[in-house]
Amino acid sequence: MKIDEATLDRIAELARLDFSDPAARQAILNDLERVLGFVEKLNEVDTKGVEPLIFMTDEADVLREDVVVPGDIVPKAEALKNSPVKDSDYFKVPRVMDKG
């Protein structure tokens, strides 16, 4: 498949890429054409009678059992003693957002 300049410009716009360098622009154009050529080659494969693949394997997810634990695992005072700056019951951290 041949990709024209307009298509490459649109892809670059959507992906927020800059192909101002002519050498880089030609390289990405060649790479995209090679990828699309590979995908087109897959269209030649006979898939009659082949069921669509939903999962790559027959394996089921192995999940751990949920275990309920109390919310206060570490006492507040013990957690606060590791803080370089604290204020009674809270950690003090630098301001992240301005009031505005």
PDB file of N, CA and C in Angstrom:
ATOM      1  N   MET A   1       0.851  -1.177   0.000  1.00  0.00           N
ATOM      2  CA  MET A   1       0.000   0.000   0.000  1.00  0.00           C
ATOM      3  C   MET A   1       0.895   1.238   0.000  1.00  0.00           C
ATOM      4  N   LYS A   2       0.513   2.208  -0.754  1.00  0.00           N
ATOM      5  CA  LYS A   2       1.255   3.449  -0.853  1.00  0.00           C
ATOM      6  C   LYS A   2       0.604   4.490   0.060  1.00  0.00           C
ATOM      7  N   ILE A   3       1.418   5.123   0.909  1.00  0.00           N
ATOM      8  CA  ILE A   3       0.917   6.180   1.784  1.00  0.00           C
ATOM      9  C   ILE A   3       1.309   7.510   1.155  1.00  0.00           C
ATOM     10  N   ASP A   4       0.332   8.369   0.975  1.00  0.00           N
ATOM     11  CA  ASP A   4       0.634   9.672   0.373  1.00  0.00           C
ATOM     12  C   ASP A   4       1.019  10.681   1.461  1.00  0.00           C
ATOM     13  N   GLU A   5       1.473  11.828   1.007  1.00  0.00           N
ATOM     14  CA  GLU A   5       1.944  12.869   1.926  1.00  0.00           C
ATOM     15  C   GLU A   5       0.828  13.357   2.854  1.00  0.00           C
ATOM     16  N   ALA A   6      -0.390  13.466   2.327  1.00  0.00           N
ATOM     17  CA  ALA A   6      -1.513  13.950   3.140  1.00  0.00           C
ATOM     18  C   ALA A   6      -1.816  12.978   4.278  1.00  0.00           C
ATOM     19  N   THR A   7      -1.747  11.683   3.982  1.00  0.00           N
ATOM     20  CA  THR A   7      -1.990  10.679   5.023  1.00  0.00           C
ATOM     21  C   THR A   7      -0.909  10.736   6.085  1.00  0.00           C
ATOM     22  N   LEU A   8       0.347  10.884   5.655  1.00  0.00           N
ATOM     23  CA  LEU A   8       1.440  10.995   6.608  1.00  0.00           C
ATOM     24  C   LEU A   8       1.286  12.248   7.464  1.00  0.00           C
ATOM     25  N   ASP A   9       0.874  13.348   6.858  1.00  0.00           N
ATOM     26  CA  ASP A   9       0.641  14.576   7.618  1.00  0.00           C
ATOM     27  C   ASP A   9      -0.451  14.385   8.658  1.00  0.00           C
ATOM     28  N   ARG A  10      -1.510  13.675   8.299  1.00  0.00           N
ATOM     29  CA  ARG A  10      -2.620  13.442   9.231  1.00  0.00           C
ATOM     30  C   ARG A  10      -2.185  12.539  10.388  1.00  0.00           C
ATOM     31  N   ILE A  11      -1.418  11.491  10.072  1.00  0.00           N
ATOM     32  CA  ILE A  11      -0.913  10.601  11.120  1.00  0.00           C
ATOM     33  C   ILE A  11      -0.014  11.379  12.069  1.00  0.00           C
ATOM     34  N   ALA A  12       0.852  12.217  11.515  1.00  0.00           N
ATOM     35  CA  ALA A  12       1.754  13.023  12.342  1.00  0.00           C
ATOM     36  C   ALA A  12       0.967  13.979  13.227  1.00  0.00           C
ATOM     37  N   GLU A  13      -0.097  14.557  12.682  1.00  0.00           N
ATOM     38  CA  GLU A  13      -0.928  15.472  13.467  1.00  0.00           C
ATOM     39  C   GLU A  13      -1.616  14.739  14.616  1.00  0.00           C
ATOM     40  N   LEU A  14      -2.187  13.583  14.319  1.00  0.00           N
ATOM     41  CA  LEU A  14      -2.894  12.827  15.355  1.00  0.00           C
ATOM     42  C   LEU A  14      -1.941  12.306  16.426  1.00  0.00           C
ATOM     43  N   ALA A  15      -0.728  11.922  16.017  1.00  0.00           N
ATOM     44  CA  ALA A  15       0.245  11.388  16.962  1.00  0.00           C
ATOM     45  C   ALA A  15       1.112  12.482  17.568  1.00  0.00           C
ATOM     46  N   ARG A  16       0.873  13.721  17.165  1.00  0.00           N
ATOM     47  CA  ARG A  16       1.645  14.874  17.643  1.00  0.00           C
ATOM     48  C   ARG A  16       3.149  14.672  17.408  1.00  0.00           C
ATOM     49  N   LEU A  17       3.462  14.274  16.162  1.00  0.00           N
ATOM     50  CA  LEU A  17       4.840  14.076  15.752  1.00  0.00           C
ATOM     51  C   LEU A  17       5.240  15.161  14.773  1.00  0.00           C
ATOM     52  N   ASP A  18       6.522  15.448  14.716  1.00  0.00           N
ATOM     53  CA  ASP A  18       7.019  16.469  13.799  1.00  0.00           C
ATOM     54  C   ASP A  18       8.000  15.816  12.832  1.00  0.00           C
ATOM     55  N   PHE A  19       7.642  15.780  11.563  1.00  0.00           N
ATOM     56  CA  PHE A  19       8.509  15.225  10.535  1.00  0.00           C
ATOM     57  C   PHE A  19       8.992  16.342   9.623  1.00  0.00           C
ATOM     58  N   SER A  20       9.590  17.378  10.199  1.00  0.00           N
ATOM     59  CA  SER A  20      10.062  18.503   9.397  1.00  0.00           C
ATOM     60  C   SER A  20      11.357  18.162   8.661  1.00  0.00           C
ATOM     61  N   ASP A  21      12.155  17.236   9.226  1.00  0.00           N
ATOM     62  CA  ASP A  21      13.386  16.816   8.563  1.00  0.00           C
ATOM     63  C   ASP A  21      13.026  15.885   7.399  1.00  0.00           C
ATOM     64  N   PRO A  22      13.415  16.225   6.165  1.00  0.00           N
ATOM     65  CA  PRO A  22      13.035  15.398   5.003  1.00  0.00           C
ATOM     66  C   PRO A  22      13.540  13.956   5.098  1.00  0.00           C
ATOM     67  N   ALA A  23      14.724  13.741   5.674  1.00  0.00           N
ATOM     68  CA  ALA A  23      15.252  12.377   5.792  1.00  0.00           C
ATOM     69  C   ALA A  23      14.410  11.552   6.769  1.00  0.00           C
ATOM     70  N   ALA A  24      14.038  12.151   7.901  1.00  0.00           N
ATOM     71  CA  ALA A  24      13.208  11.452   8.881  1.00  0.00           C
ATOM     72  C   ALA A  24      11.822  11.194   8.301  1.00  0.00           C
ATOM     73  N   ARG A  25      11.324  12.152   7.553  1.00  0.00           N
ATOM     74  CA  ARG A  25      10.000  12.007   6.932  1.00  0.00           C
ATOM     75  C   ARG A  25       9.991  10.831   5.948  1.00  0.00           C
ATOM     76  N   GLN A  26      11.030  10.735   5.132  1.00  0.00           N
ATOM     77  CA  GLN A  26      11.112   9.638   4.166  1.00  0.00           C
ATOM     78  C   GLN A  26      11.296   8.299   4.868  1.00  0.00           C
ATOM     79  N   ALA A  27      12.072   8.286   5.952  1.00  0.00           N
ATOM     80  CA  ALA A  27      12.296   7.044   6.694  1.00  0.00           C
ATOM     81  C   ALA A  27      10.997   6.536   7.312  1.00  0.00           C
ATOM     82  N   ILE A  28      10.220   7.434   7.916  1.00  0.00           N
ATOM     83  CA  ILE A  28       8.961   6.987   8.529  1.00  0.00           C
ATOM     84  C   ILE A  28       7.962   6.567   7.467  1.00  0.00           C
ATOM     85  N   LEU A  29       7.994   7.230   6.325  1.00  0.00           N
ATOM     86  CA  LEU A  29       7.106   6.858   5.218  1.00  0.00           C
ATOM     87  C   LEU A  29       7.439   5.444   4.733  1.00  0.00           C
ATOM     88  N   ASN A  30       8.725   5.151   4.588  1.00  0.00           N
ATOM     89  CA  ASN A  30       9.143   3.806   4.170  1.00  0.00           C
ATOM     90  C   ASN A  30       8.758   2.762   5.211  1.00  0.00           C
ATOM     91  N   ASP A  31       8.948   3.077   6.489  1.00  0.00           N
ATOM     92  CA  ASP A  31       8.595   2.134   7.556  1.00  0.00           C
ATOM     93  C   ASP A  31       7.101   1.848   7.576  1.00  0.00           C
ATOM     94  N   LEU A  32       6.292   2.887   7.433  1.00  0.00           N
ATOM     95  CA  LEU A  32       4.836   2.686   7.431  1.00  0.00           C
ATOM     96  C   LEU A  32       4.397   1.838   6.242  1.00  0.00           C
ATOM     97  N   GLU A  33       4.996   2.066   5.088  1.00  0.00           N
ATOM     98  CA  GLU A  33       4.643   1.273   3.907  1.00  0.00           C
ATOM     99  C   GLU A  33       5.046  -0.189   4.094  1.00  0.00           C
ATOM    100  N   ARG A  34       6.184  -0.447   4.742  1.00  0.00           N
ATOM    101  CA  ARG A  34       6.603  -1.830   5.012  1.00  0.00           C
ATOM    102  C   ARG A  34       5.639  -2.514   5.972  1.00  0.00           C
ATOM    103  N   VAL A  35       5.211  -1.798   7.008  1.00  0.00           N
ATOM    104  CA  VAL A  35       4.273  -2.374   7.977  1.00  0.00           C
ATOM    105  C   VAL A  35       2.946  -2.694   7.295  1.00  0.00           C
ATOM    106  N   LEU A  36       2.436  -1.753   6.527  1.00  0.00           N
ATOM    107  CA  LEU A  36       1.165  -1.994   5.843  1.00  0.00           C
ATOM    108  C   LEU A  36       1.295  -3.098   4.803  1.00  0.00           C
ATOM    109  N   GLY A  37       2.453  -3.208   4.168  1.00  0.00           N
ATOM    110  CA  GLY A  37       2.688  -4.306   3.232  1.00  0.00           C
ATOM    111  C   GLY A  37       2.633  -5.650   3.940  1.00  0.00           C
ATOM    112  N   PHE A  38       3.186  -5.715   5.142  1.00  0.00           N
ATOM    113  CA  PHE A  38       3.124  -6.948   5.923  1.00  0.00           C
ATOM    114  C   PHE A  38       1.686  -7.301   6.281  1.00  0.00           C
ATOM    115  N   VAL A  39       0.915  -6.317   6.682  1.00  0.00           N
ATOM    116  CA  VAL A  39      -0.479  -6.558   7.040  1.00  0.00           C
ATOM    117  C   VAL A  39      -1.269  -7.013   5.813  1.00  0.00           C
ATOM    118  N   GLU A  40      -1.001  -6.407   4.665  1.00  0.00           N
ATOM    119  CA  GLU A  40      -1.680  -6.830   3.433  1.00  0.00           C
ATOM    120  C   GLU A  40      -1.322  -8.271   3.083  1.00  0.00           C
ATOM    121  N   LYS A  41      -0.087  -8.685   3.370  1.00  0.00           N
ATOM    122  CA  LYS A  41       0.340 -10.061   3.114  1.00  0.00           C
ATOM    123  C   LYS A  41      -0.504 -11.038   3.923  1.00  0.00           C
ATOM    124  N   LEU A  42      -0.930 -10.618   5.122  1.00  0.00           N
ATOM    125  CA  LEU A  42      -1.777 -11.482   5.945  1.00  0.00           C
ATOM    126  C   LEU A  42      -3.132 -11.736   5.302  1.00  0.00           C
ATOM    127  N   ASN A  43      -3.582 -10.836   4.435  1.00  0.00           N
ATOM    128  CA  ASN A  43      -4.862 -11.029   3.746  1.00  0.00           C
ATOM    129  C   ASN A  43      -4.817 -12.204   2.777  1.00  0.00           C
ATOM    130  N   GLU A  44      -3.630 -12.665   2.405  1.00  0.00           N
ATOM    131  CA  GLU A  44      -3.496 -13.789   1.482  1.00  0.00           C
ATOM    132  C   GLU A  44      -3.696 -15.134   2.178  1.00  0.00           C
ATOM    133  N   VAL A  45      -3.673 -15.147   3.496  1.00  0.00           N
ATOM    134  CA  VAL A  45      -3.806 -16.396   4.249  1.00  0.00           C
ATOM    135  C   VAL A  45      -5.255 -16.857   4.207  1.00  0.00           C
ATOM    136  N   ASP A  46      -5.455 -18.153   3.905  1.00  0.00           N
ATOM    137  CA  ASP A  46      -6.797 -18.723   3.863  1.00  0.00           C
ATOM    138  C   ASP A  46      -7.272 -18.982   5.293  1.00  0.00           C
ATOM    139  N   THR A  47      -8.317 -18.279   5.691  1.00  0.00           N
ATOM    140  CA  THR A  47      -8.828 -18.423   7.063  1.00  0.00           C
ATOM    141  C   THR A  47     -10.231 -19.022   7.089  1.00  0.00           C
ATOM    142  N   LYS A  48     -10.633 -19.657   6.003  1.00  0.00           N
ATOM    143  CA  LYS A  48     -11.959 -20.281   5.989  1.00  0.00           C
ATOM    144  C   LYS A  48     -11.991 -21.421   7.010  1.00  0.00           C
ATOM    145  N   GLY A  49     -13.022 -21.428   7.833  1.00  0.00           N
ATOM    146  CA  GLY A  49     -13.186 -22.477   8.831  1.00  0.00           C
ATOM    147  C   GLY A  49     -12.393 -22.245  10.107  1.00  0.00           C
ATOM    148  N   VAL A  50     -11.688 -21.138  10.199  1.00  0.00           N
ATOM    149  CA  VAL A  50     -10.913 -20.836  11.402  1.00  0.00           C
ATOM    150  C   VAL A  50     -11.758 -19.944  12.298  1.00  0.00           C
ATOM    151  N   GLU A  51     -11.982 -20.401  13.531  1.00  0.00           N
ATOM    152  CA  GLU A  51     -12.767 -19.629  14.482  1.00  0.00           C
ATOM    153  C   GLU A  51     -11.970 -18.408  14.944  1.00  0.00           C
ATOM    154  N   PRO A  52     -12.639 -17.293  15.160  1.00  0.00           N
ATOM    155  CA  PRO A  52     -11.930 -16.114  15.683  1.00  0.00           C
ATOM    156  C   PRO A  52     -11.313 -16.421  17.045  1.00  0.00           C
ATOM    157  N   LEU A  53     -10.116 -15.910  17.263  1.00  0.00           N
ATOM    158  CA  LEU A  53      -9.405 -16.132  18.503  1.00  0.00           C
ATOM    159  C   LEU A  53      -9.749 -15.025  19.485  1.00  0.00           C
ATOM    160  N   ILE A  54     -10.306 -15.409  20.618  1.00  0.00           N
ATOM    161  CA  ILE A  54     -10.657 -14.429  21.635  1.00  0.00           C
ATOM    162  C   ILE A  54      -9.536 -14.328  22.656  1.00  0.00           C
ATOM    163  N   PHE A  55      -9.006 -15.473  23.092  1.00  0.00           N
ATOM    164  CA  PHE A  55      -7.930 -15.507  24.067  1.00  0.00           C
ATOM    165  C   PHE A  55      -6.743 -16.237  23.455  1.00  0.00           C
ATOM    166  N   MET A  56      -5.546 -15.866  23.850  1.00  0.00           N
ATOM    167  CA  MET A  56      -4.347 -16.481  23.296  1.00  0.00           C
ATOM    168  C   MET A  56      -4.126 -17.893  23.825  1.00  0.00           C
ATOM    169  N   THR A  57      -4.596 -18.178  25.013  1.00  0.00           N
ATOM    170  CA  THR A  57      -4.417 -19.507  25.593  1.00  0.00           C
ATOM    171  C   THR A  57      -5.731 -19.945  26.237  1.00  0.00           C
ATOM    172  N   ASP A  58      -5.758 -21.195  26.617  1.00  0.00           N
ATOM    173  CA  ASP A  58      -6.930 -21.724  27.333  1.00  0.00           C
ATOM    174  C   ASP A  58      -6.799 -21.527  28.833  1.00  0.00           C
ATOM    175  N   GLU A  59      -5.694 -20.946  29.280  1.00  0.00           N
ATOM    176  CA  GLU A  59      -5.461 -20.737  30.697  1.00  0.00           C
ATOM    177  C   GLU A  59      -6.479 -19.761  31.278  1.00  0.00           C
ATOM    178  N   ALA A  60      -6.917 -20.042  32.469  1.00  0.00           N
ATOM    179  CA  ALA A  60      -7.799 -19.130  33.187  1.00  0.00           C
ATOM    180  C   ALA A  60      -6.939 -18.273  34.110  1.00  0.00           C
ATOM    181  N   ASP A  61      -7.418 -17.105  34.436  1.00  0.00           N
ATOM    182  CA  ASP A  61      -6.685 -16.245  35.360  1.00  0.00           C
ATOM    183  C   ASP A  61      -6.573 -16.926  36.715  1.00  0.00           C
ATOM    184  N   VAL A  62      -5.390 -16.875  37.264  1.00  0.00           N
ATOM    185  CA  VAL A  62      -5.173 -17.409  38.598  1.00  0.00           C
ATOM    186  C   VAL A  62      -5.082 -16.216  39.535  1.00  0.00           C
ATOM    187  N   LEU A  63      -6.098 -16.030  40.317  1.00  0.00           N
ATOM    188  CA  LEU A  63      -6.162 -14.885  41.210  1.00  0.00           C
ATOM    189  C   LEU A  63      -6.018 -15.343  42.648  1.00  0.00           C
ATOM    190  N   ARG A  64      -5.402 -14.498  43.439  1.00  0.00           N
ATOM    191  CA  ARG A  64      -5.272 -14.833  44.848  1.00  0.00           C
ATOM    192  C   ARG A  64      -6.611 -14.593  45.547  1.00  0.00           C
ATOM    193  N   GLU A  65      -6.779 -15.232  46.652  1.00  0.00           N
ATOM    194  CA  GLU A  65      -7.979 -15.055  47.455  1.00  0.00           C
ATOM    195  C   GLU A  65      -7.916 -13.706  48.163  1.00  0.00           C
ATOM    196  N   ASP A  66      -9.003 -12.971  48.174  1.00  0.00           N
ATOM    197  CA  ASP A  66      -9.041 -11.708  48.902  1.00  0.00           C
ATOM    198  C   ASP A  66      -9.046 -11.982  50.399  1.00  0.00           C
ATOM    199  N   VAL A  67      -8.231 -11.219  51.103  1.00  0.00           N
ATOM    200  CA  VAL A  67      -8.151 -11.352  52.556  1.00  0.00           C
ATOM    201  C   VAL A  67      -8.467  -9.991  53.165  1.00  0.00           C
ATOM    202  N   VAL A  68      -9.453  -9.955  54.031  1.00  0.00           N
ATOM    203  CA  VAL A  68      -9.842  -8.724  54.692  1.00  0.00           C
ATOM    204  C   VAL A  68      -8.908  -8.494  55.870  1.00  0.00           C
ATOM    205  N   VAL A  69      -8.324  -7.289  55.917  1.00  0.00           N
ATOM    206  CA  VAL A  69      -7.445  -6.937  57.028  1.00  0.00           C
ATOM    207  C   VAL A  69      -7.924  -5.619  57.609  1.00  0.00           C
ATOM    208  N   PRO A  70      -7.638  -5.371  58.868  1.00  0.00           N
ATOM    209  CA  PRO A  70      -8.057  -4.104  59.463  1.00  0.00           C
ATOM    210  C   PRO A  70      -7.363  -2.936  58.765  1.00  0.00           C
ATOM    211  N   GLY A  71      -8.054  -1.801  58.721  1.00  0.00           N
ATOM    212  CA  GLY A  71      -7.519  -0.630  58.043  1.00  0.00           C
ATOM    213  C   GLY A  71      -6.343   0.003  58.758  1.00  0.00           C
ATOM    214  N   ASP A  72      -6.283  -0.112  60.062  1.00  0.00           N
ATOM    215  CA  ASP A  72      -5.201   0.494  60.840  1.00  0.00           C
ATOM    216  C   ASP A  72      -4.141  -0.557  61.138  1.00  0.00           C
ATOM    217  N   ILE A  73      -3.413  -0.941  60.117  1.00  0.00           N
ATOM    218  CA  ILE A  73      -2.381  -1.961  60.312  1.00  0.00           C
ATOM    219  C   ILE A  73      -1.240  -1.387  61.142  1.00  0.00           C
ATOM    220  N   VAL A  74      -0.803  -0.161  60.790  1.00  0.00           N
ATOM    221  CA  VAL A  74       0.272   0.504  61.523  1.00  0.00           C
ATOM    222  C   VAL A  74      -0.358   1.612  62.345  1.00  0.00           C
ATOM    223  N   PRO A  75      -0.092   1.649  63.613  1.00  0.00           N
ATOM    224  CA  PRO A  75      -0.648   2.740  64.418  1.00  0.00           C
ATOM    225  C   PRO A  75      -0.176   4.093  63.881  1.00  0.00           C
ATOM    226  N   LYS A  76      -1.053   5.078  63.995  1.00  0.00           N
ATOM    227  CA  LYS A  76      -0.779   6.418  63.460  1.00  0.00           C
ATOM    228  C   LYS A  76       0.519   6.996  64.003  1.00  0.00           C
ATOM    229  N   ALA A  77       0.743   6.870  65.271  1.00  0.00           N
ATOM    230  CA  ALA A  77       1.944   7.439  65.891  1.00  0.00           C
ATOM    231  C   ALA A  77       3.208   6.795  65.324  1.00  0.00           C
ATOM    232  N   GLU A  78       3.137   5.491  65.070  1.00  0.00           N
ATOM    233  CA  GLU A  78       4.303   4.801  64.530  1.00  0.00           C
ATOM    234  C   GLU A  78       4.576   5.234  63.086  1.00  0.00           C
ATOM    235  N   ALA A  79       3.526   5.410  62.310  1.00  0.00           N
ATOM    236  CA  ALA A  79       3.704   5.863  60.932  1.00  0.00           C
ATOM    237  C   ALA A  79       4.262   7.276  60.901  1.00  0.00           C
ATOM    238  N   LEU A  80       3.781   8.148  61.784  1.00  0.00           N
ATOM    239  CA  LEU A  80       4.229   9.538  61.803  1.00  0.00           C
ATOM    240  C   LEU A  80       5.667   9.698  62.290  1.00  0.00           C
ATOM    241  N   LYS A  81       6.160   8.734  63.056  1.00  0.00           N
ATOM    242  CA  LYS A  81       7.527   8.896  63.564  1.00  0.00           C
ATOM    243  C   LYS A  81       8.558   8.777  62.440  1.00  0.00           C
ATOM    244  N   ASN A  82       8.189   8.205  61.303  1.00  0.00           N
ATOM    245  CA  ASN A  82       9.097   8.098  60.164  1.00  0.00           C
ATOM    246  C   ASN A  82       9.062   9.345  59.280  1.00  0.00           C
ATOM    247  N   SER A  83       8.164  10.261  59.560  1.00  0.00           N
ATOM    248  CA  SER A  83       8.016  11.450  58.746  1.00  0.00           C
ATOM    249  C   SER A  83       9.019  12.521  59.162  1.00  0.00           C
ATOM    250  N   PRO A  84       9.695  13.151  58.177  1.00  0.00           N
ATOM    251  CA  PRO A  84      10.611  14.229  58.546  1.00  0.00           C
ATOM    252  C   PRO A  84       9.877  15.460  59.066  1.00  0.00           C
ATOM    253  N   VAL A  85       8.668  15.709  58.565  1.00  0.00           N
ATOM    254  CA  VAL A  85       7.878  16.862  59.012  1.00  0.00           C
ATOM    255  C   VAL A  85       6.457  16.386  59.252  1.00  0.00           C
ATOM    256  N   LYS A  86       5.956  16.679  60.444  1.00  0.00           N
ATOM    257  CA  LYS A  86       4.586  16.252  60.760  1.00  0.00           C
ATOM    258  C   LYS A  86       3.898  17.330  61.581  1.00  0.00           C
ATOM    259  N   ASP A  87       2.574  17.234  61.637  1.00  0.00           N
ATOM    260  CA  ASP A  87       1.785  18.187  62.407  1.00  0.00           C
ATOM    261  C   ASP A  87       0.701  17.388  63.113  1.00  0.00           C
ATOM    262  N   SER A  88       0.858  17.111  64.346  1.00  0.00           N
ATOM    263  CA  SER A  88      -0.027  16.303  65.181  1.00  0.00           C
ATOM    264  C   SER A  88      -0.373  14.975  64.504  1.00  0.00           C
ATOM    265  N   ASP A  89      -1.485  14.900  63.791  1.00  0.00           N
ATOM    266  CA  ASP A  89      -1.942  13.639  63.201  1.00  0.00           C
ATOM    267  C   ASP A  89      -1.681  13.534  61.701  1.00  0.00           C
ATOM    268  N   TYR A  90      -0.927  14.461  61.094  1.00  0.00           N
ATOM    269  CA  TYR A  90      -0.798  14.498  59.635  1.00  0.00           C
ATOM    270  C   TYR A  90       0.651  14.614  59.190  1.00  0.00           C
ATOM    271  N   PHE A  91       0.928  14.063  58.010  1.00  0.00           N
ATOM    272  CA  PHE A  91       2.208  14.292  57.350  1.00  0.00           C
ATOM    273  C   PHE A  91       2.154  15.683  56.736  1.00  0.00           C
ATOM    274  N   LYS A  92       3.247  16.429  56.795  1.00  0.00           N
ATOM    275  CA  LYS A  92       3.304  17.726  56.133  1.00  0.00           C
ATOM    276  C   LYS A  92       4.174  17.580  54.892  1.00  0.00           C
ATOM    277  N   VAL A  93       3.623  18.036  53.763  1.00  0.00           N
ATOM    278  CA  VAL A  93       4.338  17.941  52.487  1.00  0.00           C
ATOM    279  C   VAL A  93       4.322  19.303  51.815  1.00  0.00           C
ATOM    280  N   PRO A  94       5.229  19.544  50.877  1.00  0.00           N
ATOM    281  CA  PRO A  94       5.218  20.835  50.180  1.00  0.00           C
ATOM    282  C   PRO A  94       3.938  21.026  49.381  1.00  0.00           C
ATOM    283  N   ARG A  95       3.514  22.271  49.232  1.00  0.00           N
ATOM    284  CA  ARG A  95       2.307  22.591  48.473  1.00  0.00           C
ATOM    285  C   ARG A  95       2.515  22.172  47.014  1.00  0.00           C
ATOM    286  N   VAL A  96       1.521  21.544  46.436  1.00  0.00           N
ATOM    287  CA  VAL A  96       1.590  21.087  45.052  1.00  0.00           C
ATOM    288  C   VAL A  96       0.844  22.030  44.140  1.00  0.00           C
ATOM    289  N   MET A  97      -0.272  22.523  44.582  1.00  0.00           N
ATOM    290  CA  MET A  97      -1.099  23.407  43.766  1.00  0.00           C
ATOM    291  C   MET A  97      -1.235  24.763  44.445  1.00  0.00           C
ATOM    292  N   ASP A  98      -1.244  25.797  43.636  1.00  0.00           N
ATOM    293  CA  ASP A  98      -1.456  27.152  44.177  1.00  0.00           C
ATOM    294  C   ASP A  98      -2.920  27.382  44.407  1.00  0.00           C
ATOM    295  N   LYS A  99      -3.221  28.270  45.334  1.00  0.00           N
ATOM    296  CA  LYS A  99      -4.605  28.704  45.511  1.00  0.00           C
ATOM    297  C   LYS A  99      -4.925  29.614  44.343  1.00  0.00           C
ATOM    298  N   GLY A 100      -5.946  29.309  43.624  1.00  0.00           N
ATOM    299  CA  GLY A 100      -6.213  30.198  42.511  1.00  0.00           C
ATOM    300  C   GLY A 100      -7.477  29.942  41.904  1.00  0.00           C
TER     301      GLY A 100
END
